[in-house]
Amino acid sequence: MSDGAREQPEDGRPPADEAALSARLQRLGERLDQAKTSRSPGIDQASRRSDNASGFALGLRLSSELVGAVIIGAALGWLIDRWAGTSPWGLIVLLLLGFAAGVHSVVRSVNRGTPMDDRG
């Protein structure tokens, strides 16, 4: 005889659990409205843009340090090979040294912002 639908009281009011749920939802909506008005959206967006820009600048700087070290190492190796006639050993050795120096520079720059306690 019951088709799964909730029966409402004859006076047209919703059951007590639905009334309690409606009241909780209304209070939640009011609290969300208060939180939205107390928060200033301009400051939040500006700080997010600033974080994105500083992250992009850091990535650009670190990648240019790495690429620059490799190019300088290769150029010095090529010059030494031309001057001393030791082709291709100067280029290979200084290219690898340039790569190692670039990686060292990037790691040092990244670790500079991290406190020693946090690196575990």
PDB file of N, CA and C in Angstrom:
ATOM      1  N   MET A   1       0.787  -1.170   0.000  1.00  0.00           N
ATOM      2  CA  MET A   1       0.000   0.000   0.000  1.00  0.00           C
ATOM      3  C   MET A   1       0.843   1.253   0.000  1.00  0.00           C
ATOM      4  N   SER A   2       2.072   1.108   0.456  1.00  0.00           N
ATOM      5  CA  SER A   2       2.952   2.262   0.459  1.00  0.00           C
ATOM      6  C   SER A   2       3.780   2.228  -0.813  1.00  0.00           C
ATOM      7  N   ASP A   3       3.775   3.286  -1.566  1.00  0.00           N
ATOM      8  CA  ASP A   3       4.538   3.330  -2.813  1.00  0.00           C
ATOM      9  C   ASP A   3       5.895   3.991  -2.640  1.00  0.00           C
ATOM     10  N   GLY A   4       6.383   4.165  -1.436  1.00  0.00           N
ATOM     11  CA  GLY A   4       7.711   4.723  -1.176  1.00  0.00           C
ATOM     12  C   GLY A   4       7.702   6.222  -1.006  1.00  0.00           C
ATOM     13  N   ALA A   5       6.627   6.898  -1.313  1.00  0.00           N
ATOM     14  CA  ALA A   5       6.569   8.346  -1.152  1.00  0.00           C
ATOM     15  C   ALA A   5       6.251   8.674   0.298  1.00  0.00           C
ATOM     16  N   ARG A   6       6.812   9.773   0.754  1.00  0.00           N
ATOM     17  CA  ARG A   6       6.535  10.186   2.130  1.00  0.00           C
ATOM     18  C   ARG A   6       5.156  10.798   2.204  1.00  0.00           C
ATOM     19  N   GLU A   7       4.506  10.456   3.250  1.00  0.00           N
ATOM     20  CA  GLU A   7       3.175  11.013   3.436  1.00  0.00           C
ATOM     21  C   GLU A   7       3.290  12.306   4.231  1.00  0.00           C
ATOM     22  N   GLN A   8       2.617  13.330   3.778  1.00  0.00           N
ATOM     23  CA  GLN A   8       2.609  14.595   4.483  1.00  0.00           C
ATOM     24  C   GLN A   8       1.422  14.633   5.425  1.00  0.00           C
ATOM     25  N   PRO A   9       1.583  15.357   6.515  1.00  0.00           N
ATOM     26  CA  PRO A   9       0.431  15.515   7.413  1.00  0.00           C
ATOM     27  C   PRO A   9      -0.726  16.203   6.689  1.00  0.00           C
ATOM     28  N   GLU A  10      -1.903  16.008   7.215  1.00  0.00           N
ATOM     29  CA  GLU A  10      -3.087  16.530   6.541  1.00  0.00           C
ATOM     30  C   GLU A  10      -3.165  18.048   6.520  1.00  0.00           C
ATOM     31  N   ASP A  11      -2.438  18.735   7.390  1.00  0.00           N
ATOM     32  CA  ASP A  11      -2.532  20.189   7.401  1.00  0.00           C
ATOM     33  C   ASP A  11      -1.610  20.852   6.376  1.00  0.00           C
ATOM     34  N   GLY A  12      -0.879  20.077   5.533  1.00  0.00           N
ATOM     35  CA  GLY A  12      -0.060  20.626   4.456  1.00  0.00           C
ATOM     36  C   GLY A  12       1.355  20.983   4.844  1.00  0.00           C
ATOM     37  N   ARG A  13       1.735  20.803   6.087  1.00  0.00           N
ATOM     38  CA  ARG A  13       3.105  21.107   6.513  1.00  0.00           C
ATOM     39  C   ARG A  13       4.024  19.943   6.152  1.00  0.00           C
ATOM     40  N   PRO A  14       5.306  20.231   5.851  1.00  0.00           N
ATOM     41  CA  PRO A  14       6.250  19.132   5.576  1.00  0.00           C
ATOM     42  C   PRO A  14       6.583  18.394   6.863  1.00  0.00           C
ATOM     43  N   PRO A  15       7.051  17.160   6.757  1.00  0.00           N
ATOM     44  CA  PRO A  15       7.446  16.414   7.958  1.00  0.00           C
ATOM     45  C   PRO A  15       8.568  17.142   8.702  1.00  0.00           C
ATOM     46  N   ALA A  16       8.782  16.762   9.950  1.00  0.00           N
ATOM     47  CA  ALA A  16       9.739  17.457  10.817  1.00  0.00           C
ATOM     48  C   ALA A  16      11.164  17.378  10.288  1.00  0.00           C
ATOM     49  N   ASP A  17      11.587  16.227   9.733  1.00  0.00           N
ATOM     50  CA  ASP A  17      12.961  16.123   9.251  1.00  0.00           C
ATOM     51  C   ASP A  17      13.208  17.019   8.041  1.00  0.00           C
ATOM     52  N   GLU A  18      12.212  17.191   7.179  1.00  0.00           N
ATOM     53  CA  GLU A  18      12.369  18.089   6.041  1.00  0.00           C
ATOM     54  C   GLU A  18      12.399  19.543   6.496  1.00  0.00           C
ATOM     55  N   ALA A  19      11.630  19.867   7.498  1.00  0.00           N
ATOM     56  CA  ALA A  19      11.633  21.234   8.019  1.00  0.00           C
ATOM     57  C   ALA A  19      12.989  21.550   8.645  1.00  0.00           C
ATOM     58  N   ALA A  20      13.548  20.585   9.362  1.00  0.00           N
ATOM     59  CA  ALA A  20      14.863  20.797   9.971  1.00  0.00           C
ATOM     60  C   ALA A  20      15.932  20.953   8.900  1.00  0.00           C
ATOM     61  N   LEU A  21      15.841  20.151   7.843  1.00  0.00           N
ATOM     62  CA  LEU A  21      16.803  20.247   6.743  1.00  0.00           C
ATOM     63  C   LEU A  21      16.701  21.604   6.049  1.00  0.00           C
ATOM     64  N   SER A  22      15.487  22.068   5.834  1.00  0.00           N
ATOM     65  CA  SER A  22      15.298  23.374   5.199  1.00  0.00           C
ATOM     66  C   SER A  22      15.883  24.485   6.054  1.00  0.00           C
ATOM     67  N   ALA A  23      15.688  24.397   7.368  1.00  0.00           N
ATOM     68  CA  ALA A  23      16.238  25.421   8.258  1.00  0.00           C
ATOM     69  C   ALA A  23      17.756  25.399   8.233  1.00  0.00           C
ATOM     70  N   ARG A  24      18.351  24.209   8.221  1.00  0.00           N
ATOM     71  CA  ARG A  24      19.819  24.113   8.168  1.00  0.00           C
ATOM     72  C   ARG A  24      20.354  24.667   6.858  1.00  0.00           C
ATOM     73  N   LEU A  25      19.680  24.360   5.756  1.00  0.00           N
ATOM     74  CA  LEU A  25      20.121  24.884   4.459  1.00  0.00           C
ATOM     75  C   LEU A  25      20.020  26.402   4.407  1.00  0.00           C
ATOM     76  N   GLN A  26      18.974  26.957   5.008  1.00  0.00           N
ATOM     77  CA  GLN A  26      18.824  28.400   5.030  1.00  0.00           C
ATOM     78  C   GLN A  26      19.931  29.047   5.860  1.00  0.00           C
ATOM     79  N   ARG A  27      20.254  28.467   7.023  1.00  0.00           N
ATOM     80  CA  ARG A  27      21.347  29.004   7.855  1.00  0.00           C
ATOM     81  C   ARG A  27      22.673  28.902   7.126  1.00  0.00           C
ATOM     82  N   LEU A  28      22.890  27.801   6.417  1.00  0.00           N
ATOM     83  CA  LEU A  28      24.134  27.643   5.654  1.00  0.00           C
ATOM     84  C   LEU A  28      24.239  28.696   4.562  1.00  0.00           C
ATOM     85  N   GLY A  29      23.129  28.944   3.873  1.00  0.00           N
ATOM     86  CA  GLY A  29      23.123  29.978   2.837  1.00  0.00           C
ATOM     87  C   GLY A  29      23.445  31.350   3.395  1.00  0.00           C
ATOM     88  N   GLU A  30      22.905  31.661   4.562  1.00  0.00           N
ATOM     89  CA  GLU A  30      23.190  32.950   5.190  1.00  0.00           C
ATOM     90  C   GLU A  30      24.652  33.067   5.578  1.00  0.00           C
ATOM     91  N   ARG A  31      25.221  31.987   6.106  1.00  0.00           N
ATOM     92  CA  ARG A  31      26.641  32.017   6.483  1.00  0.00           C
ATOM     93  C   ARG A  31      27.538  32.160   5.256  1.00  0.00           C
ATOM     94  N   LEU A  32      27.163  31.499   4.154  1.00  0.00           N
ATOM     95  CA  LEU A  32      27.946  31.640   2.920  1.00  0.00           C
ATOM     96  C   LEU A  32      27.888  33.067   2.389  1.00  0.00           C
ATOM     97  N   ASP A  33      26.711  33.685   2.455  1.00  0.00           N
ATOM     98  CA  ASP A  33      26.590  35.080   2.025  1.00  0.00           C
ATOM     99  C   ASP A  33      27.451  35.998   2.873  1.00  0.00           C
ATOM    100  N   GLN A  34      27.477  35.777   4.180  1.00  0.00           N
ATOM    101  CA  GLN A  34      28.310  36.585   5.060  1.00  0.00           C
ATOM    102  C   GLN A  34      29.781  36.398   4.737  1.00  0.00           C
ATOM    103  N   ALA A  35      30.184  35.170   4.469  1.00  0.00           N
ATOM    104  CA  ALA A  35      31.594  34.899   4.154  1.00  0.00           C
ATOM    105  C   ALA A  35      31.989  35.564   2.844  1.00  0.00           C
ATOM    106  N   LYS A  36      31.096  35.557   1.860  1.00  0.00           N
ATOM    107  CA  LYS A  36      31.398  36.185   0.576  1.00  0.00           C
ATOM    108  C   LYS A  36      31.543  37.689   0.718  1.00  0.00           C
ATOM    109  N   THR A  37      30.687  38.307   1.520  1.00  0.00           N
ATOM    110  CA  THR A  37      30.762  39.766   1.657  1.00  0.00           C
ATOM    111  C   THR A  37      31.954  40.195   2.504  1.00  0.00           C
ATOM    112  N   SER A  38      32.372  39.364   3.461  1.00  0.00           N
ATOM    113  CA  SER A  38      33.504  39.750   4.296  1.00  0.00           C
ATOM    114  C   SER A  38      34.830  39.570   3.570  1.00  0.00           C
ATOM    115  N   ARG A  39      34.835  38.794   2.544  1.00  0.00           N
ATOM    116  CA  ARG A  39      36.049  38.535   1.766  1.00  0.00           C
ATOM    117  C   ARG A  39      36.148  39.569   0.661  1.00  0.00           C
ATOM    118  N   SER A  40      37.342  40.119   0.460  1.00  0.00           N
ATOM    119  CA  SER A  40      37.497  41.103  -0.610  1.00  0.00           C
ATOM    120  C   SER A  40      38.072  40.409  -1.836  1.00  0.00           C
ATOM    121  N   PRO A  41      37.318  40.317  -2.924  1.00  0.00           N
ATOM    122  CA  PRO A  41      37.764  39.571  -4.102  1.00  0.00           C
ATOM    123  C   PRO A  41      38.937  40.221  -4.819  1.00  0.00           C
ATOM    124  N   GLY A  42      39.099  41.533  -4.734  1.00  0.00           N
ATOM    125  CA  GLY A  42      40.194  42.198  -5.430  1.00  0.00           C
ATOM    126  C   GLY A  42      41.547  41.774  -4.895  1.00  0.00           C
ATOM    127  N   ILE A  43      41.656  41.661  -3.586  1.00  0.00           N
ATOM    128  CA  ILE A  43      42.933  41.278  -2.977  1.00  0.00           C
ATOM    129  C   ILE A  43      43.257  39.832  -3.309  1.00  0.00           C
ATOM    130  N   ASP A  44      42.262  38.959  -3.292  1.00  0.00           N
ATOM    131  CA  ASP A  44      42.478  37.545  -3.587  1.00  0.00           C
ATOM    132  C   ASP A  44      42.966  37.359  -5.014  1.00  0.00           C
ATOM    133  N   GLN A  45      42.341  38.034  -5.967  1.00  0.00           N
ATOM    134  CA  GLN A  45      42.761  37.905  -7.357  1.00  0.00           C
ATOM    135  C   GLN A  45      44.145  38.502  -7.570  1.00  0.00           C
ATOM    136  N   ALA A  46      44.441  39.608  -6.935  1.00  0.00           N
ATOM    137  CA  ALA A  46      45.744  40.241  -7.101  1.00  0.00           C
ATOM    138  C   ALA A  46      46.852  39.348  -6.551  1.00  0.00           C
ATOM    139  N   SER A  47      46.616  38.727  -5.412  1.00  0.00           N
ATOM    140  CA  SER A  47      47.653  37.868  -4.853  1.00  0.00           C
ATOM    141  C   SER A  47      47.841  36.622  -5.714  1.00  0.00           C
ATOM    142  N   ARG A  48      46.747  36.104  -6.294  1.00  0.00           N
ATOM    143  CA  ARG A  48      46.873  34.935  -7.161  1.00  0.00           C
ATOM    144  C   ARG A  48      47.658  35.283  -8.419  1.00  0.00           C
ATOM    145  N   ARG A  49      47.374  36.463  -9.010  1.00  0.00           N
ATOM    146  CA  ARG A  49      48.114  36.898 -10.189  1.00  0.00           C
ATOM    147  C   ARG A  49      49.579  37.087  -9.869  1.00  0.00           C
ATOM    148  N   SER A  50      49.862  37.653  -8.703  1.00  0.00           N
ATOM    149  CA  SER A  50      51.239  37.884  -8.299  1.00  0.00           C
ATOM    150  C   SER A  50      51.979  36.566  -8.094  1.00  0.00           C
ATOM    151  N   ASP A  51      51.306  35.569  -7.498  1.00  0.00           N
ATOM    152  CA  ASP A  51      51.931  34.260  -7.322  1.00  0.00           C
ATOM    153  C   ASP A  51      52.223  33.612  -8.661  1.00  0.00           C
ATOM    154  N   ASN A  52      51.279  33.704  -9.606  1.00  0.00           N
ATOM    155  CA  ASN A  52      51.494  33.126 -10.924  1.00  0.00           C
ATOM    156  C   ASN A  52      52.649  33.815 -11.637  1.00  0.00           C
ATOM    157  N   ALA A  53      52.704  35.135 -11.548  1.00  0.00           N
ATOM    158  CA  ALA A  53      53.757  35.886 -12.220  1.00  0.00           C
ATOM    159  C   ALA A  53      55.112  35.587 -11.601  1.00  0.00           C
ATOM    160  N   SER A  54      55.180  35.492 -10.280  1.00  0.00           N
ATOM    161  CA  SER A  54      56.472  35.223  -9.654  1.00  0.00           C
ATOM    162  C   SER A  54      56.912  33.795  -9.927  1.00  0.00           C
ATOM    163  N   GLY A  55      55.976  32.855 -10.007  1.00  0.00           N
ATOM    164  CA  GLY A  55      56.332  31.477 -10.358  1.00  0.00           C
ATOM    165  C   GLY A  55      56.843  31.386 -11.784  1.00  0.00           C
ATOM    166  N   PHE A  56      56.189  32.110 -12.699  1.00  0.00           N
ATOM    167  CA  PHE A  56      56.639  32.132 -14.088  1.00  0.00           C
ATOM    168  C   PHE A  56      58.018  32.763 -14.203  1.00  0.00           C
ATOM    169  N   ALA A  57      58.249  33.840 -13.470  1.00  0.00           N
ATOM    170  CA  ALA A  57      59.548  34.511 -13.506  1.00  0.00           C
ATOM    171  C   ALA A  57      60.647  33.602 -12.955  1.00  0.00           C
ATOM    172  N   LEU A  58      60.337  32.880 -11.886  1.00  0.00           N
ATOM    173  CA  LEU A  58      61.318  31.958 -11.320  1.00  0.00           C
ATOM    174  C   LEU A  58      61.658  30.841 -12.299  1.00  0.00           C
ATOM    175  N   GLY A  59      60.648  30.272 -12.938  1.00  0.00           N
ATOM    176  CA  GLY A  59      60.890  29.209 -13.915  1.00  0.00           C
ATOM    177  C   GLY A  59      61.703  29.699 -15.093  1.00  0.00           C
ATOM    178  N   LEU A  60      61.400  30.901 -15.569  1.00  0.00           N
ATOM    179  CA  LEU A  60      62.139  31.472 -16.690  1.00  0.00           C
ATOM    180  C   LEU A  60      63.596  31.727 -16.308  1.00  0.00           C
ATOM    181  N   ARG A  61      63.802  32.235 -15.102  1.00  0.00           N
ATOM    182  CA  ARG A  61      65.163  32.512 -14.655  1.00  0.00           C
ATOM    183  C   ARG A  61      65.980  31.231 -14.502  1.00  0.00           C
ATOM    184  N   LEU A  62      65.375  30.198 -13.893  1.00  0.00           N
ATOM    185  CA  LEU A  62      66.098  28.946 -13.675  1.00  0.00           C
ATOM    186  C   LEU A  62      66.412  28.242 -14.991  1.00  0.00           C
ATOM    187  N   SER A  63      65.455  28.254 -15.917  1.00  0.00           N
ATOM    188  CA  SER A  63      65.723  27.609 -17.204  1.00  0.00           C
ATOM    189  C   SER A  63      66.785  28.357 -17.989  1.00  0.00           C
ATOM    190  N   SER A  64      66.793  29.684 -17.911  1.00  0.00           N
ATOM    191  CA  SER A  64      67.822  30.440 -18.629  1.00  0.00           C
ATOM    192  C   SER A  64      69.198  30.234 -17.998  1.00  0.00           C
ATOM    193  N   GLU A  65      69.260  30.056 -16.680  1.00  0.00           N
ATOM    194  CA  GLU A  65      70.546  29.755 -16.047  1.00  0.00           C
ATOM    195  C   GLU A  65      71.094  28.418 -16.534  1.00  0.00           C
ATOM    196  N   LEU A  66      70.237  27.417 -16.619  1.00  0.00           N
ATOM    197  CA  LEU A  66      70.671  26.097 -17.058  1.00  0.00           C
ATOM    198  C   LEU A  66      71.122  26.127 -18.514  1.00  0.00           C
ATOM    199  N   VAL A  67      70.313  26.710 -19.380  1.00  0.00           N
ATOM    200  CA  VAL A  67      70.656  26.759 -20.807  1.00  0.00           C
ATOM    201  C   VAL A  67      71.905  27.619 -21.024  1.00  0.00           C
ATOM    202  N   GLY A  68      72.001  28.718 -20.301  1.00  0.00           N
ATOM    203  CA  GLY A  68      73.178  29.581 -20.441  1.00  0.00           C
ATOM    204  C   GLY A  68      74.460  28.883 -20.030  1.00  0.00           C
ATOM    205  N   ALA A  69      74.416  28.125 -18.947  1.00  0.00           N
ATOM    206  CA  ALA A  69      75.616  27.408 -18.501  1.00  0.00           C
ATOM    207  C   ALA A  69      76.038  26.369 -19.524  1.00  0.00           C
ATOM    208  N   VAL A  70      75.091  25.672 -20.125  1.00  0.00           N
ATOM    209  CA  VAL A  70      75.421  24.657 -21.135  1.00  0.00           C
ATOM    210  C   VAL A  70      76.008  25.330 -22.378  1.00  0.00           C
ATOM    211  N   ILE A  71      75.427  26.436 -22.821  1.00  0.00           N
ATOM    212  CA  ILE A  71      75.931  27.124 -24.018  1.00  0.00           C
ATOM    213  C   ILE A  71      77.323  27.695 -23.776  1.00  0.00           C
ATOM    214  N   ILE A  72      77.546  28.286 -22.620  1.00  0.00           N
ATOM    215  CA  ILE A  72      78.876  28.835 -22.315  1.00  0.00           C
ATOM    216  C   ILE A  72      79.906  27.718 -22.239  1.00  0.00           C
ATOM    217  N   GLY A  73      79.558  26.602 -21.621  1.00  0.00           N
ATOM    218  CA  GLY A  73      80.481  25.470 -21.557  1.00  0.00           C
ATOM    219  C   GLY A  73      80.812  24.939 -22.937  1.00  0.00           C
ATOM    220  N   ALA A  74      79.802  24.804 -23.791  1.00  0.00           N
ATOM    221  CA  ALA A  74      80.041  24.312 -25.150  1.00  0.00           C
ATOM    222  C   ALA A  74      80.901  25.297 -25.948  1.00  0.00           C
ATOM    223  N   ALA A  75      80.628  26.597 -25.791  1.00  0.00           N
ATOM    224  CA  ALA A  75      81.411  27.600 -26.535  1.00  0.00           C
ATOM    225  C   ALA A  75      82.871  27.605 -26.083  1.00  0.00           C
ATOM    226  N   LEU A  76      83.088  27.536 -24.774  1.00  0.00           N
ATOM    227  CA  LEU A  76      84.473  27.503 -24.286  1.00  0.00           C
ATOM    228  C   LEU A  76      85.189  26.232 -24.738  1.00  0.00           C
ATOM    229  N   GLY A  77      84.473  25.114 -24.712  1.00  0.00           N
ATOM    230  CA  GLY A  77      85.069  23.864 -25.183  1.00  0.00           C
ATOM    231  C   GLY A  77      85.430  23.922 -26.655  1.00  0.00           C
ATOM    232  N   TRP A  78      84.560  24.507 -27.450  1.00  0.00           N
ATOM    233  CA  TRP A  78      84.834  24.634 -28.885  1.00  0.00           C
ATOM    234  C   TRP A  78      86.041  25.543 -29.121  1.00  0.00           C
ATOM    235  N   LEU A  79      86.117  26.648 -28.356  1.00  0.00           N
ATOM    236  CA  LEU A  79      87.267  27.546 -28.508  1.00  0.00           C
ATOM    237  C   LEU A  79      88.572  26.864 -28.102  1.00  0.00           C
ATOM    238  N   ILE A  80      88.542  26.114 -27.019  1.00  0.00           N
ATOM    239  CA  ILE A  80      89.747  25.399 -26.585  1.00  0.00           C
ATOM    240  C   ILE A  80      90.151  24.356 -27.621  1.00  0.00           C
ATOM    241  N   ASP A  81      89.176  23.670 -28.204  1.00  0.00           N
ATOM    242  CA  ASP A  81      89.475  22.691 -29.246  1.00  0.00           C
ATOM    243  C   ASP A  81      90.114  23.355 -30.462  1.00  0.00           C
ATOM    244  N   ARG A  82      89.621  24.507 -30.851  1.00  0.00           N
ATOM    245  CA  ARG A  82      90.206  25.205 -32.014  1.00  0.00           C
ATOM    246  C   ARG A  82      91.607  25.711 -31.711  1.00  0.00           C
ATOM    247  N   TRP A  83      91.817  26.202 -30.490  1.00  0.00           N
ATOM    248  CA  TRP A  83      93.112  26.763 -30.119  1.00  0.00           C
ATOM    249  C   TRP A  83      94.144  25.669 -29.885  1.00  0.00           C
ATOM    250  N   ALA A  84      93.769  24.592 -29.175  1.00  0.00           N
ATOM    251  CA  ALA A  84      94.719  23.548 -28.816  1.00  0.00           C
ATOM    252  C   ALA A  84      94.709  22.369 -29.791  1.00  0.00           C
ATOM    253  N   GLY A  85      93.704  22.276 -30.656  1.00  0.00           N
ATOM    254  CA  GLY A  85      93.631  21.173 -31.605  1.00  0.00           C
ATOM    255  C   GLY A  85      93.283  19.841 -30.940  1.00  0.00           C
ATOM    256  N   THR A  86      92.491  19.879 -29.909  1.00  0.00           N
ATOM    257  CA  THR A  86      92.141  18.653 -29.181  1.00  0.00           C
ATOM    258  C   THR A  86      90.720  18.187 -29.491  1.00  0.00           C
ATOM    259  N   SER A  87      90.244  18.499 -30.671  1.00  0.00           N
ATOM    260  CA  SER A  87      88.859  18.214 -31.039  1.00  0.00           C
ATOM    261  C   SER A  87      88.538  16.740 -30.872  1.00  0.00           C
ATOM    262  N   PRO A  88      87.452  16.345 -30.357  1.00  0.00           N
ATOM    263  CA  PRO A  88      86.284  16.976 -29.760  1.00  0.00           C
ATOM    264  C   PRO A  88      86.308  16.957 -28.244  1.00  0.00           C
ATOM    265  N   TRP A  89      87.454  16.662 -27.623  1.00  0.00           N
ATOM    266  CA  TRP A  89      87.491  16.428 -26.175  1.00  0.00           C
ATOM    267  C   TRP A  89      87.218  17.674 -25.346  1.00  0.00           C
ATOM    268  N   GLY A  90      87.703  18.802 -25.750  1.00  0.00           N
ATOM    269  CA  GLY A  90      87.429  20.033 -25.007  1.00  0.00           C
ATOM    270  C   GLY A  90      85.952  20.368 -25.014  1.00  0.00           C
ATOM    271  N   LEU A  91      85.337  20.197 -26.196  1.00  0.00           N
ATOM    272  CA  LEU A  91      83.910  20.465 -26.308  1.00  0.00           C
ATOM    273  C   LEU A  91      83.105  19.522 -25.421  1.00  0.00           C
ATOM    274  N   ILE A  92      83.417  18.243 -25.448  1.00  0.00           N
ATOM    275  CA  ILE A  92      82.671  17.252 -24.663  1.00  0.00           C
ATOM    276  C   ILE A  92      82.831  17.516 -23.169  1.00  0.00           C
ATOM    277  N   VAL A  93      84.072  17.725 -22.734  1.00  0.00           N
ATOM    278  CA  VAL A  93      84.323  17.908 -21.304  1.00  0.00           C
ATOM    279  C   VAL A  93      83.682  19.193 -20.796  1.00  0.00           C
ATOM    280  N   LEU A  94      83.874  20.295 -21.497  1.00  0.00           N
ATOM    281  CA  LEU A  94      83.311  21.555 -21.018  1.00  0.00           C
ATOM    282  C   LEU A  94      81.795  21.624 -21.203  1.00  0.00           C
ATOM    283  N   LEU A  95      81.254  20.896 -22.161  1.00  0.00           N
ATOM    284  CA  LEU A  95      79.802  20.811 -22.276  1.00  0.00           C
ATOM    285  C   LEU A  95      79.219  20.108 -21.050  1.00  0.00           C
ATOM    286  N   LEU A  96      79.838  19.013 -20.644  1.00  0.00           N
ATOM    287  CA  LEU A  96      79.390  18.304 -19.448  1.00  0.00           C
ATOM    288  C   LEU A  96      79.594  19.149 -18.186  1.00  0.00           C
ATOM    289  N   LEU A  97      80.724  19.838 -18.110  1.00  0.00           N
ATOM    290  CA  LEU A  97      80.946  20.726 -16.962  1.00  0.00           C
ATOM    291  C   LEU A  97      79.934  21.874 -16.925  1.00  0.00           C
ATOM    292  N   GLY A  98      79.593  22.408 -18.084  1.00  0.00           N
ATOM    293  CA  GLY A  98      78.578  23.462 -18.154  1.00  0.00           C
ATOM    294  C   GLY A  98      77.223  22.946 -17.707  1.00  0.00           C
ATOM    295  N   PHE A  99      76.880  21.715 -18.110  1.00  0.00           N
ATOM    296  CA  PHE A  99      75.624  21.127 -17.678  1.00  0.00           C
ATOM    297  C   PHE A  99      75.616  20.938 -16.165  1.00  0.00           C
ATOM    298  N   ALA A 100      76.727  20.427 -15.616  1.00  0.00           N
ATOM    299  CA  ALA A 100      76.815  20.225 -14.168  1.00  0.00           C
ATOM    300  C   ALA A 100      76.734  21.562 -13.426  1.00  0.00           C
ATOM    301  N   ALA A 101      77.393  22.586 -13.952  1.00  0.00           N
ATOM    302  CA  ALA A 101      77.330  23.901 -13.316  1.00  0.00           C
ATOM    303  C   ALA A 101      75.917  24.473 -13.381  1.00  0.00           C
ATOM    304  N   GLY A 102      75.223  24.266 -14.476  1.00  0.00           N
ATOM    305  CA  GLY A 102      73.847  24.753 -14.599  1.00  0.00           C
ATOM    306  C   GLY A 102      72.908  24.052 -13.637  1.00  0.00           C
ATOM    307  N   VAL A 103      73.031  22.736 -13.514  1.00  0.00           N
ATOM    308  CA  VAL A 103      72.197  21.988 -12.581  1.00  0.00           C
ATOM    309  C   VAL A 103      72.503  22.423 -11.149  1.00  0.00           C
ATOM    310  N   HIS A 104      73.780  22.607 -10.847  1.00  0.00           N
ATOM    311  CA  HIS A 104      74.173  23.048  -9.510  1.00  0.00           C
ATOM    312  C   HIS A 104      73.570  24.429  -9.195  1.00  0.00           C
ATOM    313  N   SER A 105      73.606  25.310 -10.165  1.00  0.00           N
ATOM    314  CA  SER A 105      73.050  26.648  -9.972  1.00  0.00           C
ATOM    315  C   SER A 105      71.543  26.597  -9.741  1.00  0.00           C
ATOM    316  N   VAL A 106      70.842  25.762 -10.510  1.00  0.00           N
ATOM    317  CA  VAL A 106      69.393  25.644 -10.354  1.00  0.00           C
ATOM    318  C   VAL A 106      69.054  25.058  -8.985  1.00  0.00           C
ATOM    319  N   VAL A 107      69.746  24.005  -8.585  1.00  0.00           N
ATOM    320  CA  VAL A 107      69.480  23.378  -7.288  1.00  0.00           C
ATOM    321  C   VAL A 107      69.770  24.354  -6.154  1.00  0.00           C
ATOM    322  N   ARG A 108      70.852  25.093  -6.259  1.00  0.00           N
ATOM    323  CA  ARG A 108      71.199  26.070  -5.234  1.00  0.00           C
ATOM    324  C   ARG A 108      70.147  27.177  -5.152  1.00  0.00           C
ATOM    325  N   SER A 109      69.658  27.643  -6.294  1.00  0.00           N
ATOM    326  CA  SER A 109      68.631  28.687  -6.302  1.00  0.00           C
ATOM    327  C   SER A 109      67.322  28.189  -5.716  1.00  0.00           C
ATOM    328  N   VAL A 110      66.951  26.966  -6.011  1.00  0.00           N
ATOM    329  CA  VAL A 110      65.708  26.417  -5.484  1.00  0.00           C
ATOM    330  C   VAL A 110      65.822  26.190  -3.985  1.00  0.00           C
ATOM    331  N   ASN A 111      66.944  25.694  -3.523  1.00  0.00           N
ATOM    332  CA  ASN A 111      67.130  25.426  -2.098  1.00  0.00           C
ATOM    333  C   ASN A 111      67.314  26.693  -1.279  1.00  0.00           C
ATOM    334  N   ARG A 112      67.647  27.790  -1.919  1.00  0.00           N
ATOM    335  CA  ARG A 112      67.845  29.046  -1.194  1.00  0.00           C
ATOM    336  C   ARG A 112      66.556  29.495  -0.527  1.00  0.00           C
ATOM    337  N   GLY A 113      65.411  29.208  -1.132  1.00  0.00           N
ATOM    338  CA  GLY A 113      64.135  29.604  -0.564  1.00  0.00           C
ATOM    339  C   GLY A 113      63.604  28.628   0.460  1.00  0.00           C
ATOM    340  N   THR A 114      64.234  27.467   0.620  1.00  0.00           N
ATOM    341  CA  THR A 114      63.759  26.434   1.546  1.00  0.00           C
ATOM    342  C   THR A 114      64.594  26.450   2.807  1.00  0.00           C
ATOM    343  N   PRO A 115      63.965  26.577   3.973  1.00  0.00           N
ATOM    344  CA  PRO A 115      64.731  26.519   5.212  1.00  0.00           C
ATOM    345  C   PRO A 115      65.384  25.159   5.400  1.00  0.00           C
ATOM    346  N   MET A 116      66.500  25.130   6.101  1.00  0.00           N
ATOM    347  CA  MET A 116      67.229  23.886   6.310  1.00  0.00           C
ATOM    348  C   MET A 116      66.420  22.874   7.101  1.00  0.00           C
ATOM    349  N   ASP A 117      65.547  23.335   8.011  1.00  0.00           N
ATOM    350  CA  ASP A 117      64.759  22.420   8.845  1.00  0.00           C
ATOM    351  C   ASP A 117      63.787  21.603   7.997  1.00  0.00           C
ATOM    352  N   ASP A 118      63.243  22.191   6.924  1.00  0.00           N
ATOM    353  CA  ASP A 118      62.211  21.544   6.133  1.00  0.00           C
ATOM    354  C   ASP A 118      62.756  20.526   5.147  1.00  0.00           C
ATOM    355  N   ARG A 119      64.053  20.543   4.890  1.00  0.00           N
ATOM    356  CA  ARG A 119      64.595  19.650   3.867  1.00  0.00           C
ATOM    357  C   ARG A 119      64.835  18.258   4.377  1.00  0.00           C
ATOM    358  N   GLY A 120      64.640  17.994   5.628  1.00  0.00           N
ATOM    359  CA  GLY A 120      64.666  16.672   6.236  1.00  0.00           C
ATOM    360  C   GLY A 120      65.838  15.899   5.954  1.00  0.00           C
TER     361      GLY A 120
END
